PDB file of N, CA and C in Angstrom:
ATOM      1  N   MET A   1     -49.137  50.637 -65.265  1.00  0.00           N
ATOM      2  CA  MET A   1     -48.458  51.907 -65.350  1.00  0.00           C
ATOM      3  C   MET A   1     -47.303  51.836 -66.345  1.00  0.00           C
ATOM      4  N   ALA A   2     -46.575  50.724 -66.303  1.00  0.00           N
ATOM      5  CA  ALA A   2     -45.453  50.557 -67.233  1.00  0.00           C
ATOM      6  C   ALA A   2     -45.956  50.525 -68.671  1.00  0.00           C
ATOM      7  N   GLY A   3     -47.124  49.877 -68.890  1.00  0.00           N
ATOM      8  CA  GLY A   3     -47.696  49.817 -70.235  1.00  0.00           C
ATOM      9  C   GLY A   3     -48.090  51.199 -70.734  1.00  0.00           C
ATOM     10  N   GLY A   4     -48.645  52.018 -69.853  1.00  0.00           N
ATOM     11  CA  GLY A   4     -49.009  53.389 -70.217  1.00  0.00           C
ATOM     12  C   GLY A   4     -47.787  54.207 -70.570  1.00  0.00           C
ATOM     13  N   TYR A   5     -46.716  54.031 -69.806  1.00  0.00           N
ATOM     14  CA  TYR A   5     -45.461  54.727 -70.088  1.00  0.00           C
ATOM     15  C   TYR A   5     -44.914  54.308 -71.451  1.00  0.00           C
ATOM     16  N   TRP A   6     -44.952  53.018 -71.743  1.00  0.00           N
ATOM     17  CA  TRP A   6     -44.438  52.483 -73.011  1.00  0.00           C
ATOM     18  C   TRP A   6     -45.244  53.049 -74.193  1.00  0.00           C
ATOM     19  N   ILE A   7     -46.572  53.066 -74.063  1.00  0.00           N
ATOM     20  CA  ILE A   7     -47.428  53.607 -75.127  1.00  0.00           C
ATOM     21  C   ILE A   7     -47.178  55.104 -75.293  1.00  0.00           C
ATOM     22  N   SER A   8     -47.037  55.800 -74.178  1.00  0.00           N
ATOM     23  CA  SER A   8     -46.771  57.235 -74.227  1.00  0.00           C
ATOM     24  C   SER A   8     -45.450  57.525 -74.937  1.00  0.00           C
ATOM     25  N   ARG A   9     -44.417  56.749 -74.646  1.00  0.00           N
ATOM     26  CA  ARG A   9     -43.104  56.917 -75.298  1.00  0.00           C
ATOM     27  C   ARG A   9     -43.213  56.652 -76.801  1.00  0.00           C
ATOM     28  N   ARG A  10     -43.980  55.606 -77.175  1.00  0.00           N
ATOM     29  CA  ARG A  10     -44.165  55.302 -78.601  1.00  0.00           C
ATOM     30  C   ARG A  10     -44.908  56.431 -79.304  1.00  0.00           C
ATOM     31  N   ALA A  11     -45.939  56.949 -78.645  1.00  0.00           N
ATOM     32  CA  ALA A  11     -46.728  58.040 -79.228  1.00  0.00           C
ATOM     33  C   ALA A  11     -45.855  59.276 -79.428  1.00  0.00           C
ATOM     34  N   LEU A  12     -45.010  59.580 -78.447  1.00  0.00           N
ATOM     35  CA  LEU A  12     -44.099  60.725 -78.580  1.00  0.00           C
ATOM     36  C   LEU A  12     -43.099  60.503 -79.702  1.00  0.00           C
ATOM     37  N   SER A  13     -42.615  59.277 -79.841  1.00  0.00           N
ATOM     38  CA  SER A  13     -41.675  58.948 -80.915  1.00  0.00           C
ATOM     39  C   SER A  13     -42.327  59.132 -82.280  1.00  0.00           C
ATOM     40  N   ILE A  14     -43.572  58.672 -82.416  1.00  0.00           N
ATOM     41  CA  ILE A  14     -44.307  58.820 -83.675  1.00  0.00           C
ATOM     42  C   ILE A  14     -44.564  60.295 -83.960  1.00  0.00           C
ATOM     43  N   THR A  15     -44.961  61.044 -82.924  1.00  0.00           N
ATOM     44  CA  THR A  15     -45.235  62.473 -83.077  1.00  0.00           C
ATOM     45  C   THR A  15     -43.977  63.224 -83.500  1.00  0.00           C
ATOM     46  N   ALA A  16     -42.859  62.948 -82.858  1.00  0.00           N
ATOM     47  CA  ALA A  16     -41.597  63.608 -83.198  1.00  0.00           C
ATOM     48  C   ALA A  16     -41.193  63.296 -84.641  1.00  0.00           C
ATOM     49  N   ALA A  17     -41.348  62.045 -85.034  1.00  0.00           N
ATOM     50  CA  ALA A  17     -40.997  61.660 -86.405  1.00  0.00           C
ATOM     51  C   ALA A  17     -41.916  62.361 -87.399  1.00  0.00           C
ATOM     52  N   ALA A  18     -43.201  62.427 -87.097  1.00  0.00           N
ATOM     53  CA  ALA A  18     -44.159  63.080 -87.997  1.00  0.00           C
ATOM     54  C   ALA A  18     -43.833  64.559 -88.158  1.00  0.00           C
ATOM     55  N   ARG A  19     -43.460  65.205 -87.073  1.00  0.00           N
ATOM     56  CA  ARG A  19     -43.115  66.642 -87.131  1.00  0.00           C
ATOM     57  C   ARG A  19     -41.847  66.893 -87.929  1.00  0.00           C
ATOM     58  N   SER A  20     -40.959  65.934 -87.969  1.00  0.00           N
ATOM     59  CA  SER A  20     -39.675  66.135 -88.664  1.00  0.00           C
ATOM     60  C   SER A  20     -39.779  65.926 -90.168  1.00  0.00           C
ATOM     61  N   ILE A  21     -40.886  65.357 -90.632  1.00  0.00           N
ATOM     62  CA  ILE A  21     -41.025  65.068 -92.059  1.00  0.00           C
ATOM     63  C   ILE A  21     -41.679  66.250 -92.752  1.00  0.00           C
ATOM     64  N   GLY A  22     -41.035  66.705 -93.823  1.00  0.00           N
ATOM     65  CA  GLY A  22     -41.542  67.822 -94.614  1.00  0.00           C
ATOM     66  C   GLY A  22     -41.354  67.551 -96.091  1.00  0.00           C
ATOM     67  N   ILE A  23     -41.550  68.586 -96.896  1.00  0.00           N
ATOM     68  CA  ILE A  23     -41.484  68.433 -98.351  1.00  0.00           C
ATOM     69  C   ILE A  23     -40.093  67.984 -98.813  1.00  0.00           C
ATOM     70  N   ARG A  24     -39.060  68.326 -98.058  1.00  0.00           N
ATOM     71  CA  ARG A  24     -37.683  67.979 -98.461  1.00  0.00           C
ATOM     72  C   ARG A  24     -37.311  66.533 -98.126  1.00  0.00           C
ATOM     73  N   ASN A  25     -38.029  65.908 -97.194  1.00  0.00           N
ATOM     74  CA  ASN A  25     -37.656  64.545 -96.789  1.00  0.00           C
ATOM     75  C   ASN A  25     -38.881  63.634 -96.734  1.00  0.00           C
ATOM     76  N   LEU A  26     -39.712  63.709 -97.767  1.00  0.00           N
ATOM     77  CA  LEU A  26     -40.926  62.899 -97.809  1.00  0.00           C
ATOM     78  C   LEU A  26     -40.654  61.401 -97.892  1.00  0.00           C
ATOM     79  N   SER A  27     -39.424  61.028 -98.161  1.00  0.00           N
ATOM     80  CA  SER A  27     -39.114  59.602 -98.253  1.00  0.00           C
ATOM     81  C   SER A  27     -38.961  58.964 -96.872  1.00  0.00           C
ATOM     82  N   GLU A  28     -38.875  59.786 -95.821  1.00  0.00           N
ATOM     83  CA  GLU A  28     -38.778  59.233 -94.474  1.00  0.00           C
ATOM     84  C   GLU A  28     -40.138  58.701 -94.037  1.00  0.00           C
ATOM     85  N   ARG A  29     -40.120  57.765 -93.132  1.00  0.00           N
ATOM     86  CA  ARG A  29     -41.349  57.152 -92.648  1.00  0.00           C
ATOM     87  C   ARG A  29     -41.361  57.138 -91.127  1.00  0.00           C
ATOM     88  N   LEU A  30     -42.565  56.993 -90.587  1.00  0.00           N
ATOM     89  CA  LEU A  30     -42.730  56.908 -89.138  1.00  0.00           C
ATOM     90  C   LEU A  30     -42.325  55.517 -88.665  1.00  0.00           C
ATOM     91  N   PRO A  31     -41.807  55.433 -87.444  1.00  0.00           N
ATOM     92  CA  PRO A  31     -41.446  54.112 -86.912  1.00  0.00           C
ATOM     93  C   PRO A  31     -42.697  53.273 -86.639  1.00  0.00           C
ATOM     94  N   VAL A  32     -42.650  52.030 -87.064  1.00  0.00           N
ATOM     95  CA  VAL A  32     -43.784  51.118 -86.854  1.00  0.00           C
ATOM     96  C   VAL A  32     -43.311  49.958 -85.997  1.00  0.00           C
ATOM     97  N   THR A  33     -43.986  49.780 -84.869  1.00  0.00           N
ATOM     98  CA  THR A  33     -43.715  48.600 -84.050  1.00  0.00           C
ATOM     99  C   THR A  33     -44.861  47.630 -84.281  1.00  0.00           C
ATOM    100  N   HIS A  34     -44.568  46.377 -84.262  1.00  0.00           N
ATOM    101  CA  HIS A  34     -45.581  45.355 -84.530  1.00  0.00           C
ATOM    102  C   HIS A  34     -46.299  44.987 -83.230  1.00  0.00           C
ATOM    103  N   SER A  35     -47.124  45.924 -82.795  1.00  0.00           N
ATOM    104  CA  SER A  35     -47.817  45.754 -81.525  1.00  0.00           C
ATOM    105  C   SER A  35     -49.312  45.496 -81.716  1.00  0.00           C
ATOM    106  N   SER A  36     -49.764  45.569 -82.948  1.00  0.00           N
ATOM    107  CA  SER A  36     -51.172  45.317 -83.282  1.00  0.00           C
ATOM    108  C   SER A  36     -52.127  46.201 -82.470  1.00  0.00           C
ATOM    109  N   ASP A  37     -51.743  47.460 -82.308  1.00  0.00           N
ATOM    110  CA  ASP A  37     -52.638  48.378 -81.601  1.00  0.00           C
ATOM    111  C   ASP A  37     -52.903  49.604 -82.466  1.00  0.00           C
ATOM    112  N   GLU A  38     -53.609  50.561 -81.890  1.00  0.00           N
ATOM    113  CA  GLU A  38     -53.983  51.771 -82.628  1.00  0.00           C
ATOM    114  C   GLU A  38     -52.765  52.567 -83.079  1.00  0.00           C
ATOM    115  N   LEU A  39     -51.715  52.602 -82.279  1.00  0.00           N
ATOM    116  CA  LEU A  39     -50.512  53.352 -82.670  1.00  0.00           C
ATOM    117  C   LEU A  39     -49.842  52.736 -83.889  1.00  0.00           C
ATOM    118  N   GLN A  40     -49.824  51.401 -83.944  1.00  0.00           N
ATOM    119  CA  GLN A  40     -49.260  50.750 -85.124  1.00  0.00           C
ATOM    120  C   GLN A  40     -50.094  51.089 -86.351  1.00  0.00           C
ATOM    121  N   ARG A  41     -51.414  50.999 -86.238  1.00  0.00           N
ATOM    122  CA  ARG A  41     -52.294  51.304 -87.382  1.00  0.00           C
ATOM    123  C   ARG A  41     -52.165  52.767 -87.796  1.00  0.00           C
ATOM    124  N   LEU A  42     -52.032  53.661 -86.811  1.00  0.00           N
ATOM    125  CA  LEU A  42     -51.871  55.082 -87.113  1.00  0.00           C
ATOM    126  C   LEU A  42     -50.565  55.322 -87.869  1.00  0.00           C
ATOM    127  N   ALA A  43     -49.486  54.726 -87.394  1.00  0.00           N
ATOM    128  CA  ALA A  43     -48.184  54.880 -88.054  1.00  0.00           C
ATOM    129  C   ALA A  43     -48.229  54.317 -89.477  1.00  0.00           C
ATOM    130  N   GLU A  44     -48.860  53.152 -89.648  1.00  0.00           N
ATOM    131  CA  GLU A  44     -48.967  52.550 -90.983  1.00  0.00           C
ATOM    132  C   GLU A  44     -49.815  53.420 -91.913  1.00  0.00           C
ATOM    133  N   THR A  45     -50.903  53.983 -91.389  1.00  0.00           N
ATOM    134  CA  THR A  45     -51.759  54.856 -92.188  1.00  0.00           C
ATOM    135  C   THR A  45     -50.993  56.125 -92.607  1.00  0.00           C
ATOM    136  N   CYS A  46     -50.271  56.691 -91.656  1.00  0.00           N
ATOM    137  CA  CYS A  46     -49.468  57.886 -91.964  1.00  0.00           C
ATOM    138  C   CYS A  46     -48.382  57.568 -92.989  1.00  0.00           C
ATOM    139  N   ASN A  47     -47.754  56.425 -92.863  1.00  0.00           N
ATOM    140  CA  ASN A  47     -46.716  56.035 -93.819  1.00  0.00           C
ATOM    141  C   ASN A  47     -47.294  55.844 -95.218  1.00  0.00           C
ATOM    142  N   ALA A  48     -48.490  55.277 -95.303  1.00  0.00           N
ATOM    143  CA  ALA A  48     -49.137  55.121 -96.606  1.00  0.00           C
ATOM    144  C   ALA A  48     -49.458  56.492 -97.203  1.00  0.00           C
ATOM    145  N   MET A  49     -49.903  57.424 -96.359  1.00  0.00           N
ATOM    146  CA  MET A  49     -50.177  58.776 -96.819  1.00  0.00           C
ATOM    147  C   MET A  49     -48.892  59.455 -97.291  1.00  0.00           C
ATOM    148  N   LEU A  50     -47.804  59.283 -96.552  1.00  0.00           N
ATOM    149  CA  LEU A  50     -46.522  59.856 -96.954  1.00  0.00           C
ATOM    150  C   LEU A  50     -46.065  59.288 -98.301  1.00  0.00           C
ATOM    151  N   GLN A  51     -46.299  58.011 -98.511  1.00  0.00           N
ATOM    152  CA  GLN A  51     -45.959  57.379 -99.792  1.00  0.00           C
ATOM    153  C   GLN A  51     -46.724  58.044-100.931  1.00  0.00           C
ATOM    154  N   ARG A  52     -48.030  58.262-100.725  1.00  0.00           N
ATOM    155  CA  ARG A  52     -48.847  58.915-101.762  1.00  0.00           C
ATOM    156  C   ARG A  52     -48.386  60.347-102.004  1.00  0.00           C
ATOM    157  N   LEU A  53     -48.073  61.061-100.936  1.00  0.00           N
ATOM    158  CA  LEU A  53     -47.586  62.438-101.081  1.00  0.00           C
ATOM    159  C   LEU A  53     -46.245  62.477-101.815  1.00  0.00           C
ATOM    160  N   GLU A  54     -45.364  61.546-101.468  1.00  0.00           N
ATOM    161  CA  GLU A  54     -44.058  61.494-102.121  1.00  0.00           C
ATOM    162  C   GLU A  54     -44.214  61.263-103.625  1.00  0.00           C
ATOM    163  N   ILE A  55     -45.097  60.359-104.004  1.00  0.00           N
ATOM    164  CA  ILE A  55     -45.346  60.081-105.422  1.00  0.00           C
ATOM    165  C   ILE A  55     -45.937  61.311-106.107  1.00  0.00           C
ATOM    166  N   ALA A  56     -46.894  61.964-105.450  1.00  0.00           N
ATOM    167  CA  ALA A  56     -47.529  63.156-106.033  1.00  0.00           C
ATOM    168  C   ALA A  56     -46.523  64.281-106.221  1.00  0.00           C
ATOM    169  N   VAL A  57     -45.657  64.507-105.241  1.00  0.00           N
ATOM    170  CA  VAL A  57     -44.640  65.555-105.345  1.00  0.00           C
ATOM    171  C   VAL A  57     -43.650  65.220-106.452  1.00  0.00           C
ATOM    172  N   ARG A  58     -43.270  63.952-106.550  1.00  0.00           N
ATOM    173  CA  ARG A  58     -42.344  63.531-107.612  1.00  0.00           C
ATOM    174  C   ARG A  58     -42.953  63.793-108.990  1.00  0.00           C
ATOM    175  N   LYS A  59     -44.256  63.467-109.141  1.00  0.00           N
ATOM    176  CA  LYS A  59     -44.940  63.702-110.415  1.00  0.00           C
ATOM    177  C   LYS A  59     -45.031  65.190-110.720  1.00  0.00           C
ATOM    178  N   LEU A  60     -45.289  65.994-109.702  1.00  0.00           N
ATOM    179  CA  LEU A  60     -45.367  67.445-109.891  1.00  0.00           C
ATOM    180  C   LEU A  60     -44.019  68.011-110.314  1.00  0.00           C
ATOM    181  N   LYS A  61     -42.954  67.541-109.689  1.00  0.00           N
ATOM    182  CA  LYS A  61     -41.607  67.993-110.066  1.00  0.00           C
ATOM    183  C   LYS A  61     -41.285  67.589-111.503  1.00  0.00           C
ATOM    184  N   GLN A  62     -41.659  66.379-111.887  1.00  0.00           N
ATOM    185  CA  GLN A  62     -41.413  65.923-113.252  1.00  0.00           C
ATOM    186  C   GLN A  62     -42.209  66.753-114.245  1.00  0.00           C
ATOM    187  N   PHE A  63     -43.471  67.033-113.925  1.00  0.00           N
ATOM    188  CA  PHE A  63     -44.303  67.866-114.796  1.00  0.00           C
ATOM    189  C   PHE A  63     -43.690  69.250-114.952  1.00  0.00           C
ATOM    190  N   THR A  64     -43.235  69.838-113.847  1.00  0.00           N
ATOM    191  CA  THR A  64     -42.616  71.163-113.889  1.00  0.00           C
ATOM    192  C   THR A  64     -41.361  71.149-114.759  1.00  0.00           C
ATOM    193  N   ALA A  65     -40.544  70.119-114.599  1.00  0.00           N
ATOM    194  CA  ALA A  65     -39.323  70.011-115.405  1.00  0.00           C
ATOM    195  C   ALA A  65     -39.665  69.837-116.880  1.00  0.00           C
ATOM    196  N   ASP A  66     -40.651  68.989-117.183  1.00  0.00           N
ATOM    197  CA  ASP A  66     -41.051  68.768-118.573  1.00  0.00           C
ATOM    198  C   ASP A  66     -41.631  70.035-119.193  1.00  0.00           C
ATOM    199  N   ALA A  67     -42.511  70.727-118.446  1.00  0.00           N
ATOM    200  CA  ALA A  67     -43.129  71.951-118.958  1.00  0.00           C
ATOM    201  C   ALA A  67     -42.071  73.017-119.198  1.00  0.00           C
ATOM    202  N   SER A  68     -41.145  73.142-118.273  1.00  0.00           N
ATOM    203  CA  SER A  68     -40.071  74.118-118.412  1.00  0.00           C
ATOM    204  C   SER A  68     -39.243  73.835-119.662  1.00  0.00           C
ATOM    205  N   HIS A  69     -38.906  72.566-119.839  1.00  0.00           N
ATOM    206  CA  HIS A  69     -38.118  72.170-121.004  1.00  0.00           C
ATOM    207  C   HIS A  69     -38.872  72.456-122.306  1.00  0.00           C
ATOM    208  N   GLU A  70     -40.161  72.129-122.331  1.00  0.00           N
ATOM    209  CA  GLU A  70     -40.972  72.320-123.541  1.00  0.00           C
ATOM    210  C   GLU A  70     -41.192  73.795-123.862  1.00  0.00           C
ATOM    211  N   LEU A  71     -41.237  74.646-122.857  1.00  0.00           N
ATOM    212  CA  LEU A  71     -41.494  76.069-123.088  1.00  0.00           C
ATOM    213  C   LEU A  71     -40.242  76.870-123.410  1.00  0.00           C
ATOM    214  N   ARG A  72     -39.090  76.386-123.003  1.00  0.00           N
ATOM    215  CA  ARG A  72     -37.836  77.123-123.261  1.00  0.00           C
ATOM    216  C   ARG A  72     -37.581  77.300-124.751  1.00  0.00           C
ATOM    217  N   GLY A  73     -37.790  76.241-125.515  1.00  0.00           N
ATOM    218  CA  GLY A  73     -37.517  76.300-126.960  1.00  0.00           C
ATOM    219  C   GLY A  73     -38.346  77.346-127.675  1.00  0.00           C
ATOM    220  N   PRO A  74     -39.679  77.315-127.565  1.00  0.00           N
ATOM    221  CA  PRO A  74     -40.494  78.324-128.245  1.00  0.00           C
ATOM    222  C   PRO A  74     -40.197  79.756-127.786  1.00  0.00           C
ATOM    223  N   LEU A  75     -39.920  79.940-126.499  1.00  0.00           N
ATOM    224  CA  LEU A  75     -39.596  81.288-126.018  1.00  0.00           C
ATOM    225  C   LEU A  75     -38.281  81.777-126.619  1.00  0.00           C
ATOM    226  N   SER A  76     -37.311  80.899-126.669  1.00  0.00           N
ATOM    227  CA  SER A  76     -36.015  81.257-127.255  1.00  0.00           C
ATOM    228  C   SER A  76     -36.157  81.564-128.749  1.00  0.00           C
ATOM    229  N   LEU A  77     -36.929  80.748-129.449  1.00  0.00           N
ATOM    230  CA  LEU A  77     -37.155  80.967-130.881  1.00  0.00           C
ATOM    231  C   LEU A  77     -37.881  82.288-131.122  1.00  0.00           C
ATOM    232  N   THR A  78     -38.906  82.564-130.333  1.00  0.00           N
ATOM    233  CA  THR A  78     -39.652  83.817-130.470  1.00  0.00           C
ATOM    234  C   THR A  78     -38.726  85.008-130.260  1.00  0.00           C
ATOM    235  N   ARG A  79     -37.902  84.949-129.248  1.00  0.00           N
ATOM    236  CA  ARG A  79     -36.970  86.046-128.967  1.00  0.00           C
ATOM    237  C   ARG A  79     -35.980  86.225-130.114  1.00  0.00           C
ATOM    238  N   THR A  80     -35.438  85.133-130.609  1.00  0.00           N
ATOM    239  CA  THR A  80     -34.462  85.211-131.696  1.00  0.00           C
ATOM    240  C   THR A  80     -35.085  85.799-132.953  1.00  0.00           C
ATOM    241  N   ILE A  81     -36.264  85.331-133.311  1.00  0.00           N
ATOM    242  CA  ILE A  81     -36.946  85.852-134.514  1.00  0.00           C
ATOM    243  C   ILE A  81     -37.214  87.346-134.363  1.00  0.00           C
ATOM    244  N   ALA A  82     -37.692  87.755-133.181  1.00  0.00           N
ATOM    245  CA  ALA A  82     -37.972  89.173-132.949  1.00  0.00           C
ATOM    246  C   ALA A  82     -36.692  90.008-133.028  1.00  0.00           C
ATOM    247  N   GLU A  83     -35.599  89.507-132.474  1.00  0.00           N
ATOM    248  CA  GLU A  83     -34.330  90.254-132.508  1.00  0.00           C
ATOM    249  C   GLU A  83     -33.798  90.372-133.931  1.00  0.00           C
ATOM    250  N   VAL A  84     -33.902  89.306-134.704  1.00  0.00           N
ATOM    251  CA  VAL A  84     -33.448  89.335-136.099  1.00  0.00           C
ATOM    252  C   VAL A  84     -34.314  90.294-136.912  1.00  0.00           C
ATOM    253  N   ALA A  85     -35.635  90.211-136.733  1.00  0.00           N
ATOM    254  CA  ALA A  85     -36.544  91.105-137.474  1.00  0.00           C
ATOM    255  C   ALA A  85     -36.312  92.563-137.098  1.00  0.00           C
ATOM    256  N   GLU A  86     -36.021  92.807-135.847  1.00  0.00           N
ATOM    257  CA  GLU A  86     -35.769  94.183-135.386  1.00  0.00           C
ATOM    258  C   GLU A  86     -34.540  94.774-136.064  1.00  0.00           C
ATOM    259  N   ARG A  87     -33.544  93.962-136.379  1.00  0.00           N
ATOM    260  CA  ARG A  87     -32.287  94.447-136.975  1.00  0.00           C
ATOM    261  C   ARG A  87     -32.326  94.558-138.499  1.00  0.00           C
ATOM    262  N   GLN A  88     -33.404  94.121-139.119  1.00  0.00           N
ATOM    263  CA  GLN A  88     -33.486  94.194-140.581  1.00  0.00           C
ATOM    264  C   GLN A  88     -33.518  95.668-141.023  1.00  0.00           C
ATOM    265  N   PRO A  89     -32.748  96.026-142.052  1.00  0.00           N
ATOM    266  CA  PRO A  89     -32.682  97.429-142.474  1.00  0.00           C
ATOM    267  C   PRO A  89     -34.025  97.971-142.993  1.00  0.00           C
ATOM    268  N   ASN A  90     -34.867  97.118-143.544  1.00  0.00           N
ATOM    269  CA  ASN A  90     -36.127  97.598-144.115  1.00  0.00           C
ATOM    270  C   ASN A  90     -37.280  97.604-143.110  1.00  0.00           C
ATOM    271  N   THR A  91     -36.982  97.333-141.816  1.00  0.00           N
ATOM    272  CA  THR A  91     -38.021  97.342-140.785  1.00  0.00           C
ATOM    273  C   THR A  91     -38.294  98.779-140.369  1.00  0.00           C
ATOM    274  N   ASN A  92     -39.561  99.190-140.415  1.00  0.00           N
ATOM    275  CA  ASN A  92     -39.884 100.569-140.019  1.00  0.00           C
ATOM    276  C   ASN A  92     -39.831 100.720-138.498  1.00  0.00           C
ATOM    277  N   ALA A  93     -39.863 101.946-138.039  1.00  0.00           N
ATOM    278  CA  ALA A  93     -39.678 102.258-136.615  1.00  0.00           C
ATOM    279  C   ALA A  93     -40.754 101.618-135.745  1.00  0.00           C
ATOM    280  N   GLN A  94     -41.996 101.643-136.222  1.00  0.00           N
ATOM    281  CA  GLN A  94     -43.086 101.072-135.434  1.00  0.00           C
ATOM    282  C   GLN A  94     -42.915  99.559-135.294  1.00  0.00           C
ATOM    283  N   SER A  95     -42.557  98.890-136.387  1.00  0.00           N
ATOM    284  CA  SER A  95     -42.325  97.444-136.343  1.00  0.00           C
ATOM    285  C   SER A  95     -41.109  97.119-135.495  1.00  0.00           C
ATOM    286  N   ARG A  96     -40.075  97.944-135.615  1.00  0.00           N
ATOM    287  CA  ARG A  96     -38.854  97.735-134.826  1.00  0.00           C
ATOM    288  C   ARG A  96     -39.193  97.786-133.322  1.00  0.00           C
ATOM    289  N   ALA A  97     -40.009  98.752-132.931  1.00  0.00           N
ATOM    290  CA  ALA A  97     -40.411  98.882-131.521  1.00  0.00           C
ATOM    291  C   ALA A  97     -41.232  97.661-131.091  1.00  0.00           C
ATOM    292  N   SER A  98     -42.099  97.184-131.963  1.00  0.00           N
ATOM    293  CA  SER A  98     -42.916  96.001-131.638  1.00  0.00           C
ATOM    294  C   SER A  98     -42.050  94.763-131.493  1.00  0.00           C
ATOM    295  N   PHE A  99     -41.083  94.594-132.401  1.00  0.00           N
ATOM    296  CA  PHE A  99     -40.178  93.441-132.310  1.00  0.00           C
ATOM    297  C   PHE A  99     -39.339  93.514-131.034  1.00  0.00           C
ATOM    298  N   GLN A 100     -38.948  94.723-130.662  1.00  0.00           N
ATOM    299  CA  GLN A 100     -38.177  94.899-129.434  1.00  0.00           C
ATOM    300  C   GLN A 100     -39.026  94.510-128.214  1.00  0.00           C
ATOM    301  N   GLU A 101     -40.292  94.905-128.208  1.00  0.00           N
ATOM    302  CA  GLU A 101     -41.199  94.527-127.116  1.00  0.00           C
ATOM    303  C   GLU A 101     -41.369  93.009-127.045  1.00  0.00           C
ATOM    304  N   ILE A 102     -41.492  92.380-128.211  1.00  0.00           N
ATOM    305  CA  ILE A 102     -41.630  90.913-128.247  1.00  0.00           C
ATOM    306  C   ILE A 102     -40.375  90.250-127.682  1.00  0.00           C
ATOM    307  N   ALA A 103     -39.206  90.755-128.075  1.00  0.00           N
ATOM    308  CA  ALA A 103     -37.945  90.183-127.583  1.00  0.00           C
ATOM    309  C   ALA A 103     -37.824  90.353-126.072  1.00  0.00           C
ATOM    310  N   ILE A 104     -38.194  91.518-125.566  1.00  0.00           N
ATOM    311  CA  ILE A 104     -38.120  91.772-124.123  1.00  0.00           C
ATOM    312  C   ILE A 104     -39.120  90.883-123.372  1.00  0.00           C
ATOM    313  N   ALA A 105     -40.347  90.803-123.891  1.00  0.00           N
ATOM    314  CA  ALA A 105     -41.364  89.963-123.239  1.00  0.00           C
ATOM    315  C   ALA A 105     -40.936  88.499-123.243  1.00  0.00           C
ATOM    316  N   SER A 106     -40.348  88.034-124.331  1.00  0.00           N
ATOM    317  CA  SER A 106     -39.875  86.641-124.404  1.00  0.00           C
ATOM    318  C   SER A 106     -38.754  86.395-123.404  1.00  0.00           C
ATOM    319  N   ALA A 107     -37.829  87.350-123.297  1.00  0.00           N
ATOM    320  CA  ALA A 107     -36.720  87.216-122.339  1.00  0.00           C
ATOM    321  C   ALA A 107     -37.255  87.200-120.912  1.00  0.00           C
ATOM    322  N   ASN A 108     -38.220  88.072-120.616  1.00  0.00           N
ATOM    323  CA  ASN A 108     -38.806  88.112-119.271  1.00  0.00           C
ATOM    324  C   ASN A 108     -39.549  86.813-118.946  1.00  0.00           C
ATOM    325  N   ALA A 109     -40.284  86.286-119.925  1.00  0.00           N
ATOM    326  CA  ALA A 109     -41.007  85.028-119.715  1.00  0.00           C
ATOM    327  C   ALA A 109     -40.019  83.878-119.479  1.00  0.00           C
ATOM    328  N   ALA A 110     -38.924  83.870-120.238  1.00  0.00           N
ATOM    329  CA  ALA A 110     -37.908  82.823-120.054  1.00  0.00           C
ATOM    330  C   ALA A 110     -37.277  82.916-118.669  1.00  0.00           C
ATOM    331  N   LYS A 111     -37.027  84.153-118.213  1.00  0.00           N
ATOM    332  CA  LYS A 111     -36.451  84.348-116.878  1.00  0.00           C
ATOM    333  C   LYS A 111     -37.426  83.877-115.803  1.00  0.00           C
ATOM    334  N   LEU A 112     -38.704  84.233-115.948  1.00  0.00           N
ATOM    335  CA  LEU A 112     -39.728  83.800-115.006  1.00  0.00           C
ATOM    336  C   LEU A 112     -39.832  82.278-114.972  1.00  0.00           C
ATOM    337  N   LEU A 113     -39.810  81.675-116.133  1.00  0.00           N
ATOM    338  CA  LEU A 113     -39.880  80.219-116.233  1.00  0.00           C
ATOM    339  C   LEU A 113     -38.689  79.580-115.515  1.00  0.00           C
ATOM    340  N   GLU A 114     -37.526  80.134-115.712  1.00  0.00           N
ATOM    341  CA  GLU A 114     -36.315  79.613-115.063  1.00  0.00           C
ATOM    342  C   GLU A 114     -36.415  79.734-113.540  1.00  0.00           C
ATOM    343  N   GLU A 115     -36.907  80.868-113.071  1.00  0.00           N
ATOM    344  CA  GLU A 115     -37.073  81.080-111.632  1.00  0.00           C
ATOM    345  C   GLU A 115     -38.093  80.097-111.047  1.00  0.00           C
ATOM    346  N   MET A 116     -39.190  79.873-111.767  1.00  0.00           N
ATOM    347  CA  MET A 116     -40.194  78.919-111.292  1.00  0.00           C
ATOM    348  C   MET A 116     -39.602  77.519-111.217  1.00  0.00           C
ATOM    349  N   PHE A 117     -38.821  77.154-112.218  1.00  0.00           N
ATOM    350  CA  PHE A 117     -38.219  75.827-112.255  1.00  0.00           C
ATOM    351  C   PHE A 117     -37.232  75.655-111.100  1.00  0.00           C
ATOM    352  N   GLU A 118     -36.402  76.681-110.856  1.00  0.00           N
ATOM    353  CA  GLU A 118     -35.434  76.610-109.764  1.00  0.00           C
ATOM    354  C   GLU A 118     -36.119  76.562-108.413  1.00  0.00           C
ATOM    355  N   HIS A 119     -37.248  77.275-108.287  1.00  0.00           N
ATOM    356  CA  HIS A 119     -37.990  77.314-107.023  1.00  0.00           C
ATOM    357  C   HIS A 119     -38.568  75.949-106.677  1.00  0.00           C
ATOM    358  N   HIS A 120     -38.957  75.180-107.669  1.00  0.00           N
ATOM    359  CA  HIS A 120     -39.561  73.873-107.426  1.00  0.00           C
ATOM    360  C   HIS A 120     -38.535  72.763-107.276  1.00  0.00           C
ATOM    361  N   HIS A 121     -37.265  73.088-107.422  1.00  0.00           N
ATOM    362  CA  HIS A 121     -36.241  72.054-107.263  1.00  0.00           C
ATOM    363  C   HIS A 121     -35.289  72.395-106.184  1.00  0.00           C
TER     364      HIS A 121
END
């Protein structure tokens, strides 16, 4: 009976720890006791899975940061060129309207990109 109680307490401890781990604290791990039983193997398997998830999330965050950085420059350049072209005295009304649309679309894309980047961090 005491052994069943001990295993039950360990299982509850592992379950509580597993429930507390989320995307914000993937570096945490489940408690592992060296009991050479199914609970130890389960905890070790879960910890290995958490390690893989942590690495995958880290890579995704790095990719998002790199993509955001790489896209900011071209969007900013596109907006600047469109704004400069729009202000040229020899630009006709139709071209001026098109350049204005390009500048607005570039600004909106940059804002969206910034929001996506902030959301992932």
